[in-house]
Amino acid sequence: MTVNAVHAGVDGCSAGGREGFVRHPPRPVSRAVQQAGLTDAYRVVHPDPVTKPGTTWSPVYPRHNGSTGVPEPRDRIDFVQSAGRVQATSSEAVVLGTPTAVPSHQDNLWSSDHAAVTTRFRF
């Protein structure tokens, strides 16, 4: 069984890269999602959060308050969940282009402050 590791505080985030693997606060929603029978598709495909963190926050906010605050933690906060007999065959955090940070982000090809999560399933 694949576990949604986020609520256990092990699906890490770090401030400024992977060198400081940090435990984040408990997330009760991920526990409720798992208890409802859903599985984190990204962790099925990439079980090790150190080698494949799947960071989705944020391609354009390297610092809190845009560009002036403390470093913003790189974190995985967007998920694709599955249930039943489907099998995730690939899953990636995706950003198009190389986004420029706020406040110079107006011409970015990628317009969101989150990366997308794309997942393919075998039914």
PDB file of N, CA and C in Angstrom:
ATOM      1  N   MET A   1       0.845  -1.187   0.000  1.00  0.00           N
ATOM      2  CA  MET A   1       0.000   0.000   0.000  1.00  0.00           C
ATOM      3  C   MET A   1       0.883   1.240   0.000  1.00  0.00           C
ATOM      4  N   THR A   2       0.546   2.195  -0.835  1.00  0.00           N
ATOM      5  CA  THR A   2       1.260   3.466  -0.864  1.00  0.00           C
ATOM      6  C   THR A   2       0.626   4.411   0.142  1.00  0.00           C
ATOM      7  N   VAL A   3       1.445   5.073   0.897  1.00  0.00           N
ATOM      8  CA  VAL A   3       0.966   5.974   1.939  1.00  0.00           C
ATOM      9  C   VAL A   3       1.081   7.413   1.468  1.00  0.00           C
ATOM     10  N   ASN A   4       0.085   8.219   1.792  1.00  0.00           N
ATOM     11  CA  ASN A   4       0.179   9.667   1.607  1.00  0.00           C
ATOM     12  C   ASN A   4       1.052  10.179   2.735  1.00  0.00           C
ATOM     13  N   ALA A   5       2.306  10.448   2.444  1.00  0.00           N
ATOM     14  CA  ALA A   5       3.269  10.770   3.491  1.00  0.00           C
ATOM     15  C   ALA A   5       3.154  12.194   4.010  1.00  0.00           C
ATOM     16  N   VAL A   6       2.406  13.044   3.331  1.00  0.00           N
ATOM     17  CA  VAL A   6       2.350  14.449   3.729  1.00  0.00           C
ATOM     18  C   VAL A   6       1.894  14.627   5.159  1.00  0.00           C
ATOM     19  N   HIS A   7       0.836  13.946   5.573  1.00  0.00           N
ATOM     20  CA  HIS A   7       0.347  14.158   6.934  1.00  0.00           C
ATOM     21  C   HIS A   7       1.324  13.629   7.973  1.00  0.00           C
ATOM     22  N   ALA A   8       2.233  12.768   7.566  1.00  0.00           N
ATOM     23  CA  ALA A   8       3.239  12.262   8.494  1.00  0.00           C
ATOM     24  C   ALA A   8       4.399  13.231   8.638  1.00  0.00           C
ATOM     25  N   GLY A   9       4.393  14.302   7.844  1.00  0.00           N
ATOM     26  CA  GLY A   9       5.456  15.288   7.938  1.00  0.00           C
ATOM     27  C   GLY A   9       6.751  14.846   7.305  1.00  0.00           C
ATOM     28  N   VAL A  10       6.683  13.926   6.329  1.00  0.00           N
ATOM     29  CA  VAL A  10       7.903  13.439   5.711  1.00  0.00           C
ATOM     30  C   VAL A  10       8.003  13.761   4.234  1.00  0.00           C
ATOM     31  N   ASP A  11       6.973  14.294   3.644  1.00  0.00           N
ATOM     32  CA  ASP A  11       7.027  14.646   2.235  1.00  0.00           C
ATOM     33  C   ASP A  11       7.550  16.076   2.166  1.00  0.00           C
ATOM     34  N   GLY A  12       8.847  16.195   2.258  1.00  0.00           N
ATOM     35  CA  GLY A  12       9.550  17.377   2.712  1.00  0.00           C
ATOM     36  C   GLY A  12       9.444  18.639   1.906  1.00  0.00           C
ATOM     37  N   CYS A  13       9.757  19.696   2.571  1.00  0.00           N
ATOM     38  CA  CYS A  13       9.966  20.987   1.959  1.00  0.00           C
ATOM     39  C   CYS A  13      11.281  21.509   2.483  1.00  0.00           C
ATOM     40  N   SER A  14      11.841  22.465   1.800  1.00  0.00           N
ATOM     41  CA  SER A  14      13.062  23.072   2.308  1.00  0.00           C
ATOM     42  C   SER A  14      13.076  24.523   1.900  1.00  0.00           C
ATOM     43  N   ALA A  15      13.775  25.319   2.636  1.00  0.00           N
ATOM     44  CA  ALA A  15      13.950  26.723   2.273  1.00  0.00           C
ATOM     45  C   ALA A  15      15.242  26.825   1.486  1.00  0.00           C
ATOM     46  N   GLY A  16      15.116  27.111   0.197  1.00  0.00           N
ATOM     47  CA  GLY A  16      16.302  27.326  -0.610  1.00  0.00           C
ATOM     48  C   GLY A  16      16.957  26.078  -1.149  1.00  0.00           C
ATOM     49  N   GLY A  17      16.228  25.023  -1.408  1.00  0.00           N
ATOM     50  CA  GLY A  17      16.813  23.858  -2.056  1.00  0.00           C
ATOM     51  C   GLY A  17      16.690  22.605  -1.222  1.00  0.00           C
ATOM     52  N   ARG A  18      17.257  21.520  -1.703  1.00  0.00           N
ATOM     53  CA  ARG A  18      17.110  20.218  -1.062  1.00  0.00           C
ATOM     54  C   ARG A  18      18.133  19.990   0.044  1.00  0.00           C
ATOM     55  N   GLU A  19      19.057  20.927   0.271  1.00  0.00           N
ATOM     56  CA  GLU A  19      20.090  20.689   1.273  1.00  0.00           C
ATOM     57  C   GLU A  19      19.539  20.638   2.689  1.00  0.00           C
ATOM     58  N   GLY A  20      18.434  21.281   2.942  1.00  0.00           N
ATOM     59  CA  GLY A  20      17.878  21.305   4.289  1.00  0.00           C
ATOM     60  C   GLY A  20      16.528  20.635   4.329  1.00  0.00           C
ATOM     61  N   PHE A  21      16.489  19.325   4.257  1.00  0.00           N
ATOM     62  CA  PHE A  21      15.220  18.599   4.276  1.00  0.00           C
ATOM     63  C   PHE A  21      14.541  18.860   5.611  1.00  0.00           C
ATOM     64  N   VAL A  22      13.383  19.463   5.571  1.00  0.00           N
ATOM     65  CA  VAL A  22      12.713  19.954   6.767  1.00  0.00           C
ATOM     66  C   VAL A  22      11.360  19.268   6.923  1.00  0.00           C
ATOM     67  N   ARG A  23      11.039  18.887   8.133  1.00  0.00           N
ATOM     68  CA  ARG A  23       9.706  18.337   8.401  1.00  0.00           C
ATOM     69  C   ARG A  23       8.738  19.492   8.524  1.00  0.00           C
ATOM     70  N   HIS A  24       7.605  19.394   7.880  1.00  0.00           N
ATOM     71  CA  HIS A  24       6.619  20.456   7.974  1.00  0.00           C
ATOM     72  C   HIS A  24       5.511  20.065   8.941  1.00  0.00           C
ATOM     73  N   PRO A  25       4.666  21.018   9.301  1.00  0.00           N
ATOM     74  CA  PRO A  25       3.625  20.728  10.292  1.00  0.00           C
ATOM     75  C   PRO A  25       2.647  19.673   9.794  1.00  0.00           C
ATOM     76  N   PRO A  26       1.976  18.997  10.703  1.00  0.00           N
ATOM     77  CA  PRO A  26       0.991  17.981  10.316  1.00  0.00           C
ATOM     78  C   PRO A  26      -0.095  18.576   9.411  1.00  0.00           C
ATOM     79  N   ARG A  27      -0.573  17.777   8.496  1.00  0.00           N
ATOM     80  CA  ARG A  27      -1.624  18.198   7.576  1.00  0.00           C
ATOM     81  C   ARG A  27      -2.779  17.207   7.678  1.00  0.00           C
ATOM     82  N   PRO A  28      -3.766  17.519   8.487  1.00  0.00           N
ATOM     83  CA  PRO A  28      -4.848  16.565   8.737  1.00  0.00           C
ATOM     84  C   PRO A  28      -5.688  16.257   7.506  1.00  0.00           C
ATOM     85  N   VAL A  29      -5.731  17.141   6.528  1.00  0.00           N
ATOM     86  CA  VAL A  29      -6.531  16.864   5.336  1.00  0.00           C
ATOM     87  C   VAL A  29      -5.954  15.678   4.578  1.00  0.00           C
ATOM     88  N   SER A  30      -4.628  15.589   4.464  1.00  0.00           N
ATOM     89  CA  SER A  30      -4.052  14.444   3.753  1.00  0.00           C
ATOM     90  C   SER A  30      -4.355  13.132   4.471  1.00  0.00           C
ATOM     91  N   ARG A  31      -4.406  13.160   5.792  1.00  0.00           N
ATOM     92  CA  ARG A  31      -4.782  11.953   6.544  1.00  0.00           C
ATOM     93  C   ARG A  31      -6.236  11.577   6.238  1.00  0.00           C
ATOM     94  N   ALA A  32      -7.127  12.552   6.187  1.00  0.00           N
ATOM     95  CA  ALA A  32      -8.536  12.290   5.877  1.00  0.00           C
ATOM     96  C   ALA A  32      -8.689  11.747   4.460  1.00  0.00           C
ATOM     97  N   VAL A  33      -7.908  12.271   3.540  1.00  0.00           N
ATOM     98  CA  VAL A  33      -7.953  11.796   2.147  1.00  0.00           C
ATOM     99  C   VAL A  33      -7.517  10.327   2.100  1.00  0.00           C
ATOM    100  N   GLN A  34      -6.441   9.992   2.779  1.00  0.00           N
ATOM    101  CA  GLN A  34      -5.987   8.606   2.811  1.00  0.00           C
ATOM    102  C   GLN A  34      -7.024   7.707   3.475  1.00  0.00           C
ATOM    103  N   GLN A  35      -7.606   8.146   4.585  1.00  0.00           N
ATOM    104  CA  GLN A  35      -8.604   7.342   5.286  1.00  0.00           C
ATOM    105  C   GLN A  35      -9.854   7.136   4.433  1.00  0.00           C
ATOM    106  N   ALA A  36     -10.092   8.045   3.476  1.00  0.00           N
ATOM    107  CA  ALA A  36     -11.221   7.897   2.557  1.00  0.00           C
ATOM    108  C   ALA A  36     -10.907   6.917   1.424  1.00  0.00           C
ATOM    109  N   GLY A  37      -9.679   6.385   1.394  1.00  0.00           N
ATOM    110  CA  GLY A  37      -9.326   5.377   0.402  1.00  0.00           C
ATOM    111  C   GLY A  37      -8.614   5.912  -0.821  1.00  0.00           C
ATOM    112  N   LEU A  38      -8.206   7.173  -0.794  1.00  0.00           N
ATOM    113  CA  LEU A  38      -7.488   7.753  -1.933  1.00  0.00           C
ATOM    114  C   LEU A  38      -5.981   7.623  -1.727  1.00  0.00           C
ATOM    115  N   THR A  39      -5.267   7.549  -2.846  1.00  0.00           N
ATOM    116  CA  THR A  39      -3.820   7.373  -2.824  1.00  0.00           C
ATOM    117  C   THR A  39      -3.157   8.493  -3.610  1.00  0.00           C
ATOM    118  N   ASP A  40      -2.068   9.004  -3.079  1.00  0.00           N
ATOM    119  CA  ASP A  40      -1.275  10.053  -3.712  1.00  0.00           C
ATOM    120  C   ASP A  40      -0.571   9.469  -4.940  1.00  0.00           C
ATOM    121  N   ALA A  41      -1.045   9.818  -6.131  1.00  0.00           N
ATOM    122  CA  ALA A  41      -0.521   9.235  -7.373  1.00  0.00           C
ATOM    123  C   ALA A  41       0.948   9.577  -7.595  1.00  0.00           C
ATOM    124  N   TYR A  42       1.370  10.783  -7.235  1.00  0.00           N
ATOM    125  CA  TYR A  42       2.773  11.167  -7.414  1.00  0.00           C
ATOM    126  C   TYR A  42       3.686  10.263  -6.582  1.00  0.00           C
ATOM    127  N   ARG A  43       3.302   9.959  -5.346  1.00  0.00           N
ATOM    128  CA  ARG A  43       4.134   9.103  -4.487  1.00  0.00           C
ATOM    129  C   ARG A  43       4.096   7.642  -4.906  1.00  0.00           C
ATOM    130  N   VAL A  44       3.073   7.218  -5.632  1.00  0.00           N
ATOM    131  CA  VAL A  44       3.086   5.866  -6.199  1.00  0.00           C
ATOM    132  C   VAL A  44       4.221   5.764  -7.204  1.00  0.00           C
ATOM    133  N   VAL A  45       4.351   6.784  -8.054  1.00  0.00           N
ATOM    134  CA  VAL A  45       5.366   6.793  -9.109  1.00  0.00           C
ATOM    135  C   VAL A  45       6.747   7.160  -8.561  1.00  0.00           C
ATOM    136  N   HIS A  46       6.789   8.088  -7.617  1.00  0.00           N
ATOM    137  CA  HIS A  46       8.047   8.587  -7.045  1.00  0.00           C
ATOM    138  C   HIS A  46       8.000   8.441  -5.520  1.00  0.00           C
ATOM    139  N   PRO A  47       8.297   7.269  -4.987  1.00  0.00           N
ATOM    140  CA  PRO A  47       8.116   7.050  -3.556  1.00  0.00           C
ATOM    141  C   PRO A  47       9.097   7.791  -2.642  1.00  0.00           C
ATOM    142  N   ASP A  48      10.230   8.243  -3.163  1.00  0.00           N
ATOM    143  CA  ASP A  48      11.236   8.884  -2.309  1.00  0.00           C
ATOM    144  C   ASP A  48      11.135  10.406  -2.383  1.00  0.00           C
ATOM    145  N   PRO A  49      10.662  11.068  -1.325  1.00  0.00           N
ATOM    146  CA  PRO A  49      10.497  12.520  -1.362  1.00  0.00           C
ATOM    147  C   PRO A  49      11.817  13.292  -1.360  1.00  0.00           C
ATOM    148  N   VAL A  50      12.919  12.650  -1.038  1.00  0.00           N
ATOM    149  CA  VAL A  50      14.209  13.334  -1.077  1.00  0.00           C
ATOM    150  C   VAL A  50      14.707  13.444  -2.511  1.00  0.00           C
ATOM    151  N   THR A  51      14.630  12.350  -3.268  1.00  0.00           N
ATOM    152  CA  THR A  51      15.139  12.384  -4.642  1.00  0.00           C
ATOM    153  C   THR A  51      14.138  12.980  -5.626  1.00  0.00           C
ATOM    154  N   LYS A  52      12.843  12.887  -5.333  1.00  0.00           N
ATOM    155  CA  LYS A  52      11.802  13.441  -6.207  1.00  0.00           C
ATOM    156  C   LYS A  52      10.784  14.184  -5.352  1.00  0.00           C
ATOM    157  N   PRO A  53      11.108  15.413  -4.927  1.00  0.00           N
ATOM    158  CA  PRO A  53      10.208  16.134  -4.025  1.00  0.00           C
ATOM    159  C   PRO A  53       8.871  16.528  -4.653  1.00  0.00           C
ATOM    160  N   GLY A  54       8.825  16.740  -5.973  1.00  0.00           N
ATOM    161  CA  GLY A  54       7.558  17.110  -6.607  1.00  0.00           C
ATOM    162  C   GLY A  54       7.085  18.499  -6.225  1.00  0.00           C
ATOM    163  N   THR A  55       8.004  19.413  -6.035  1.00  0.00           N
ATOM    164  CA  THR A  55       7.687  20.760  -5.572  1.00  0.00           C
ATOM    165  C   THR A  55       6.700  21.463  -6.500  1.00  0.00           C
ATOM    166  N   THR A  56       5.618  21.989  -5.920  1.00  0.00           N
ATOM    167  CA  THR A  56       4.644  22.755  -6.712  1.00  0.00           C
ATOM    168  C   THR A  56       4.517  24.200  -6.234  1.00  0.00           C
ATOM    169  N   TRP A  57       5.067  24.525  -5.081  1.00  0.00           N
ATOM    170  CA  TRP A  57       5.026  25.904  -4.573  1.00  0.00           C
ATOM    171  C   TRP A  57       6.436  26.423  -4.441  1.00  0.00           C
ATOM    172  N   SER A  58       6.713  27.559  -4.857  1.00  0.00           N
ATOM    173  CA  SER A  58       6.072  28.314  -5.914  1.00  0.00           C
ATOM    174  C   SER A  58       7.117  28.678  -6.936  1.00  0.00           C
ATOM    175  N   PRO A  59       6.800  28.534  -8.204  1.00  0.00           N
ATOM    176  CA  PRO A  59       7.773  28.894  -9.232  1.00  0.00           C
ATOM    177  C   PRO A  59       8.032  30.401  -9.334  1.00  0.00           C
ATOM    178  N   VAL A  60       7.164  31.231  -8.768  1.00  0.00           N
ATOM    179  CA  VAL A  60       7.338  32.683  -8.918  1.00  0.00           C
ATOM    180  C   VAL A  60       7.493  33.435  -7.593  1.00  0.00           C
ATOM    181  N   TYR A  61       7.370  32.744  -6.467  1.00  0.00           N
ATOM    182  CA  TYR A  61       7.521  33.391  -5.163  1.00  0.00           C
ATOM    183  C   TYR A  61       8.708  32.792  -4.405  1.00  0.00           C
ATOM    184  N   PRO A  62       9.928  33.233  -4.687  1.00  0.00           N
ATOM    185  CA  PRO A  62      11.077  32.716  -3.947  1.00  0.00           C
ATOM    186  C   PRO A  62      11.140  33.243  -2.519  1.00  0.00           C
ATOM    187  N   ARG A  63      10.433  34.352  -2.261  1.00  0.00           N
ATOM    188  CA  ARG A  63      10.436  34.967  -0.938  1.00  0.00           C
ATOM    189  C   ARG A  63       9.013  35.311  -0.529  1.00  0.00           C
ATOM    190  N   HIS A  64       8.765  35.291   0.770  1.00  0.00           N
ATOM    191  CA  HIS A  64       7.472  35.699   1.307  1.00  0.00           C
ATOM    192  C   HIS A  64       7.232  37.160   0.952  1.00  0.00           C
ATOM    193  N   ASN A  65       6.004  37.526   0.707  1.00  0.00           N
ATOM    194  CA  ASN A  65       5.655  38.893   0.277  1.00  0.00           C
ATOM    195  C   ASN A  65       6.293  39.232  -1.062  1.00  0.00           C
ATOM    196  N   GLY A  66       6.317  38.261  -1.955  1.00  0.00           N
ATOM    197  CA  GLY A  66       6.856  38.521  -3.291  1.00  0.00           C
ATOM    198  C   GLY A  66       8.347  38.364  -3.336  1.00  0.00           C
ATOM    199  N   SER A  67       9.071  39.451  -3.226  1.00  0.00           N
ATOM    200  CA  SER A  67      10.523  39.378  -3.349  1.00  0.00           C
ATOM    201  C   SER A  67      11.253  40.021  -2.176  1.00  0.00           C
ATOM    202  N   THR A  68      10.534  40.373  -1.108  1.00  0.00           N
ATOM    203  CA  THR A  68      11.163  41.147  -0.037  1.00  0.00           C
ATOM    204  C   THR A  68      11.262  40.418   1.289  1.00  0.00           C
ATOM    205  N   GLY A  69      10.545  39.340   1.480  1.00  0.00           N
ATOM    206  CA  GLY A  69      10.494  38.692   2.790  1.00  0.00           C
ATOM    207  C   GLY A  69      11.514  37.586   2.945  1.00  0.00           C
ATOM    208  N   VAL A  70      11.281  36.761   3.943  1.00  0.00           N
ATOM    209  CA  VAL A  70      12.142  35.612   4.197  1.00  0.00           C
ATOM    210  C   VAL A  70      11.968  34.600   3.069  1.00  0.00           C
ATOM    211  N   PRO A  71      12.955  33.716   2.869  1.00  0.00           N
ATOM    212  CA  PRO A  71      12.808  32.715   1.809  1.00  0.00           C
ATOM    213  C   PRO A  71      11.520  31.906   1.975  1.00  0.00           C
ATOM    214  N   GLU A  72      10.823  31.716   0.896  1.00  0.00           N
ATOM    215  CA  GLU A  72       9.584  30.939   0.883  1.00  0.00           C
ATOM    216  C   GLU A  72       9.957  29.460   0.799  1.00  0.00           C
ATOM    217  N   PRO A  73       9.364  28.588   1.606  1.00  0.00           N
ATOM    218  CA  PRO A  73       9.721  27.170   1.518  1.00  0.00           C
ATOM    219  C   PRO A  73       9.272  26.580   0.185  1.00  0.00           C
ATOM    220  N   ARG A  74      10.098  25.765  -0.402  1.00  0.00           N
ATOM    221  CA  ARG A  74       9.721  24.990  -1.589  1.00  0.00           C
ATOM    222  C   ARG A  74       8.945  23.807  -1.054  1.00  0.00           C
ATOM    223  N   ASP A  75       7.745  23.595  -1.550  1.00  0.00           N
ATOM    224  CA  ASP A  75       6.890  22.577  -0.956  1.00  0.00           C
ATOM    225  C   ASP A  75       5.997  21.946  -2.012  1.00  0.00           C
ATOM    226  N   ARG A  76       5.489  20.792  -1.719  1.00  0.00           N
ATOM    227  CA  ARG A  76       4.537  20.099  -2.593  1.00  0.00           C
ATOM    228  C   ARG A  76       3.164  20.257  -1.968  1.00  0.00           C
ATOM    229  N   ILE A  77       2.352  21.127  -2.560  1.00  0.00           N
ATOM    230  CA  ILE A  77       1.031  21.400  -1.981  1.00  0.00           C
ATOM    231  C   ILE A  77      -0.108  21.107  -2.953  1.00  0.00           C
ATOM    232  N   ASP A  78       0.206  20.573  -4.124  1.00  0.00           N
ATOM    233  CA  ASP A  78      -0.814  20.227  -5.125  1.00  0.00           C
ATOM    234  C   ASP A  78      -0.705  18.739  -5.410  1.00  0.00           C
ATOM    235  N   PHE A  79      -1.836  18.063  -5.425  1.00  0.00           N
ATOM    236  CA  PHE A  79      -1.849  16.606  -5.474  1.00  0.00           C
ATOM    237  C   PHE A  79      -2.869  16.086  -6.472  1.00  0.00           C
ATOM    238  N   VAL A  80      -2.586  14.891  -6.998  1.00  0.00           N
ATOM    239  CA  VAL A  80      -3.558  14.112  -7.759  1.00  0.00           C
ATOM    240  C   VAL A  80      -3.754  12.836  -6.952  1.00  0.00           C
ATOM    241  N   GLN A  81      -4.993  12.562  -6.600  1.00  0.00           N
ATOM    242  CA  GLN A  81      -5.320  11.381  -5.807  1.00  0.00           C
ATOM    243  C   GLN A  81      -6.072  10.383  -6.684  1.00  0.00           C
ATOM    244  N   SER A  82      -5.951   9.108  -6.356  1.00  0.00           N
ATOM    245  CA  SER A  82      -6.684   8.088  -7.103  1.00  0.00           C
ATOM    246  C   SER A  82      -7.237   7.046  -6.142  1.00  0.00           C
ATOM    247  N   ALA A  83      -8.183   6.277  -6.647  1.00  0.00           N
ATOM    248  CA  ALA A  83      -8.778   5.206  -5.858  1.00  0.00           C
ATOM    249  C   ALA A  83      -9.202   4.086  -6.793  1.00  0.00           C
ATOM    250  N   GLY A  84      -9.362   2.925  -6.231  1.00  0.00           N
ATOM    251  CA  GLY A  84      -9.849   1.801  -7.021  1.00  0.00           C
ATOM    252  C   GLY A  84      -8.736   1.104  -7.779  1.00  0.00           C
ATOM    253  N   ARG A  85      -9.075   0.562  -8.931  1.00  0.00           N
ATOM    254  CA  ARG A  85      -8.155  -0.284  -9.671  1.00  0.00           C
ATOM    255  C   ARG A  85      -7.263   0.463 -10.648  1.00  0.00           C
ATOM    256  N   VAL A  86      -7.327   1.775 -10.672  1.00  0.00           N
ATOM    257  CA  VAL A  86      -6.443   2.529 -11.572  1.00  0.00           C
ATOM    258  C   VAL A  86      -5.022   2.506 -11.035  1.00  0.00           C
ATOM    259  N   GLN A  87      -4.044   2.561 -11.947  1.00  0.00           N
ATOM    260  CA  GLN A  87      -2.638   2.542 -11.557  1.00  0.00           C
ATOM    261  C   GLN A  87      -1.944   3.752 -12.170  1.00  0.00           C
ATOM    262  N   ALA A  88      -1.353   4.604 -11.339  1.00  0.00           N
ATOM    263  CA  ALA A  88      -0.584   5.738 -11.852  1.00  0.00           C
ATOM    264  C   ALA A  88       0.661   5.191 -12.541  1.00  0.00           C
ATOM    265  N   THR A  89       0.888   5.605 -13.785  1.00  0.00           N
ATOM    266  CA  THR A  89       2.054   5.152 -14.546  1.00  0.00           C
ATOM    267  C   THR A  89       3.111   6.244 -14.697  1.00  0.00           C
ATOM    268  N   SER A  90       2.712   7.490 -14.584  1.00  0.00           N
ATOM    269  CA  SER A  90       3.658   8.607 -14.575  1.00  0.00           C
ATOM    270  C   SER A  90       3.001   9.773 -13.855  1.00  0.00           C
ATOM    271  N   SER A  91       3.822  10.591 -13.233  1.00  0.00           N
ATOM    272  CA  SER A  91       3.306  11.768 -12.548  1.00  0.00           C
ATOM    273  C   SER A  91       4.456  12.746 -12.375  1.00  0.00           C
ATOM    274  N   GLU A  92       4.232  13.999 -12.742  1.00  0.00           N
ATOM    275  CA  GLU A  92       5.289  15.016 -12.694  1.00  0.00           C
ATOM    276  C   GLU A  92       4.728  16.358 -12.256  1.00  0.00           C
ATOM    277  N   ALA A  93       5.548  17.135 -11.581  1.00  0.00           N
ATOM    278  CA  ALA A  93       5.259  18.546 -11.330  1.00  0.00           C
ATOM    279  C   ALA A  93       5.811  19.303 -12.536  1.00  0.00           C
ATOM    280  N   VAL A  94       4.967  20.126 -13.173  1.00  0.00           N
ATOM    281  CA  VAL A  94       5.312  20.727 -14.461  1.00  0.00           C
ATOM    282  C   VAL A  94       5.160  22.239 -14.436  1.00  0.00           C
ATOM    283  N   VAL A  95       6.153  22.923 -14.979  1.00  0.00           N
ATOM    284  CA  VAL A  95       6.105  24.359 -15.223  1.00  0.00           C
ATOM    285  C   VAL A  95       6.646  24.566 -16.631  1.00  0.00           C
ATOM    286  N   LEU A  96       5.970  25.371 -17.436  1.00  0.00           N
ATOM    287  CA  LEU A  96       6.448  25.657 -18.782  1.00  0.00           C
ATOM    288  C   LEU A  96       7.401  26.843 -18.757  1.00  0.00           C
ATOM    289  N   GLY A  97       8.499  26.728 -19.490  1.00  0.00           N
ATOM    290  CA  GLY A  97       9.472  27.810 -19.542  1.00  0.00           C
ATOM    291  C   GLY A  97      10.257  27.897 -18.247  1.00  0.00           C
ATOM    292  N   THR A  98      10.891  29.035 -18.064  1.00  0.00           N
ATOM    293  CA  THR A  98      11.640  29.323 -16.842  1.00  0.00           C
ATOM    294  C   THR A  98      11.042  30.578 -16.226  1.00  0.00           C
ATOM    295  N   PRO A  99      10.092  30.419 -15.306  1.00  0.00           N
ATOM    296  CA  PRO A  99       9.398  31.580 -14.760  1.00  0.00           C
ATOM    297  C   PRO A  99      10.340  32.549 -14.046  1.00  0.00           C
ATOM    298  N   THR A 100      10.090  33.821 -14.264  1.00  0.00           N
ATOM    299  CA  THR A 100      10.782  34.886 -13.554  1.00  0.00           C
ATOM    300  C   THR A 100       9.991  35.196 -12.295  1.00  0.00           C
ATOM    301  N   ALA A 101      10.700  35.466 -11.208  1.00  0.00           N
ATOM    302  CA  ALA A 101      10.044  35.696  -9.927  1.00  0.00           C
ATOM    303  C   ALA A 101       9.298  37.021  -9.895  1.00  0.00           C
ATOM    304  N   VAL A 102       8.312  37.079  -9.004  1.00  0.00           N
ATOM    305  CA  VAL A 102       7.592  38.303  -8.687  1.00  0.00           C
ATOM    306  C   VAL A 102       8.630  39.318  -8.214  1.00  0.00           C
ATOM    307  N   PRO A 103       8.603  40.554  -8.608  1.00  0.00           N
ATOM    308  CA  PRO A 103       7.531  41.264  -9.299  1.00  0.00           C
ATOM    309  C   PRO A 103       7.706  41.343 -10.818  1.00  0.00           C
ATOM    310  N   SER A 104       8.676  40.627 -11.392  1.00  0.00           N
ATOM    311  CA  SER A 104       8.953  40.721 -12.829  1.00  0.00           C
ATOM    312  C   SER A 104       8.385  39.547 -13.607  1.00  0.00           C
ATOM    313  N   HIS A 105       7.218  39.071 -13.215  1.00  0.00           N
ATOM    314  CA  HIS A 105       6.650  37.836 -13.752  1.00  0.00           C
ATOM    315  C   HIS A 105       5.624  38.032 -14.864  1.00  0.00           C
ATOM    316  N   GLN A 106       5.335  39.265 -15.240  1.00  0.00           N
ATOM    317  CA  GLN A 106       4.231  39.532 -16.164  1.00  0.00           C
ATOM    318  C   GLN A 106       4.404  38.874 -17.533  1.00  0.00           C
ATOM    319  N   ASP A 107       5.614  38.603 -17.980  1.00  0.00           N
ATOM    320  CA  ASP A 107       5.822  38.002 -19.297  1.00  0.00           C
ATOM    321  C   ASP A 107       6.099  36.500 -19.235  1.00  0.00           C
ATOM    322  N   ASN A 108       5.907  35.885 -18.086  1.00  0.00           N
ATOM    323  CA  ASN A 108       6.152  34.449 -17.958  1.00  0.00           C
ATOM    324  C   ASN A 108       5.214  33.653 -18.853  1.00  0.00           C
ATOM    325  N   LEU A 109       5.754  32.620 -19.467  1.00  0.00           N
ATOM    326  CA  LEU A 109       4.930  31.671 -20.211  1.00  0.00           C
ATOM    327  C   LEU A 109       3.995  30.936 -19.239  1.00  0.00           C
ATOM    328  N   TRP A 110       4.507  30.641 -18.044  1.00  0.00           N
ATOM    329  CA  TRP A 110       3.715  29.985 -17.003  1.00  0.00           C
ATOM    330  C   TRP A 110       3.105  31.059 -16.129  1.00  0.00           C
ATOM    331  N   SER A 111       1.790  31.134 -16.083  1.00  0.00           N
ATOM    332  CA  SER A 111       1.130  32.257 -15.410  1.00  0.00           C
ATOM    333  C   SER A 111       0.691  31.957 -13.980  1.00  0.00           C
ATOM    334  N   SER A 112       0.858  30.739 -13.519  1.00  0.00           N
ATOM    335  CA  SER A 112       0.398  30.378 -12.181  1.00  0.00           C
ATOM    336  C   SER A 112       1.516  30.501 -11.152  1.00  0.00           C
ATOM    337  N   ASP A 113       1.129  30.656  -9.887  1.00  0.00           N
ATOM    338  CA  ASP A 113       2.120  30.628  -8.816  1.00  0.00           C
ATOM    339  C   ASP A 113       2.327  29.203  -8.290  1.00  0.00           C
ATOM    340  N   HIS A 114       1.658  28.225  -8.887  1.00  0.00           N
ATOM    341  CA  HIS A 114       1.839  26.810  -8.565  1.00  0.00           C
ATOM    342  C   HIS A 114       2.301  26.073  -9.815  1.00  0.00           C
ATOM    343  N   ALA A 115       3.097  25.033  -9.632  1.00  0.00           N
ATOM    344  CA  ALA A 115       3.366  24.105 -10.729  1.00  0.00           C
ATOM    345  C   ALA A 115       2.137  23.206 -10.885  1.00  0.00           C
ATOM    346  N   ALA A 116       1.937  22.690 -12.076  1.00  0.00           N
ATOM    347  CA  ALA A 116       0.859  21.730 -12.307  1.00  0.00           C
ATOM    348  C   ALA A 116       1.353  20.333 -11.946  1.00  0.00           C
ATOM    349  N   VAL A 117       0.420  19.455 -11.633  1.00  0.00           N
ATOM    350  CA  VAL A 117       0.748  18.051 -11.454  1.00  0.00           C
ATOM    351  C   VAL A 117       0.026  17.299 -12.560  1.00  0.00           C
ATOM    352  N   THR A 118       0.798  16.648 -13.429  1.00  0.00           N
ATOM    353  CA  THR A 118       0.199  15.861 -14.504  1.00  0.00           C
ATOM    354  C   THR A 118       0.438  14.383 -14.212  1.00  0.00           C
ATOM    355  N   THR A 119      -0.615  13.602 -14.335  1.00  0.00           N
ATOM    356  CA  THR A 119      -0.530  12.180 -14.010  1.00  0.00           C
ATOM    357  C   THR A 119      -1.230  11.369 -15.082  1.00  0.00           C
ATOM    358  N   ARG A 120      -0.599  10.273 -15.475  1.00  0.00           N
ATOM    359  CA  ARG A 120      -1.219   9.310 -16.403  1.00  0.00           C
ATOM    360  C   ARG A 120      -1.573   8.063 -15.612  1.00  0.00           C
ATOM    361  N   PHE A 121      -2.731   7.519 -15.962  1.00  0.00           N
ATOM    362  CA  PHE A 121      -3.215   6.320 -15.269  1.00  0.00           C
ATOM    363  C   PHE A 121      -3.469   5.203 -16.270  1.00  0.00           C
ATOM    364  N   ARG A 122      -3.287   3.996 -15.829  1.00  0.00           N
ATOM    365  CA  ARG A 122      -3.705   2.793 -16.573  1.00  0.00           C
ATOM    366  C   ARG A 122      -4.989   2.327 -15.911  1.00  0.00           C
ATOM    367  N   PHE A 123      -6.018   2.159 -16.737  1.00  0.00           N
ATOM    368  CA  PHE A 123      -7.315   1.706 -16.225  1.00  0.00           C
ATOM    369  C   PHE A 123      -7.524   0.239 -16.491  1.00  0.00           C
TER     370      PHE A 123
END
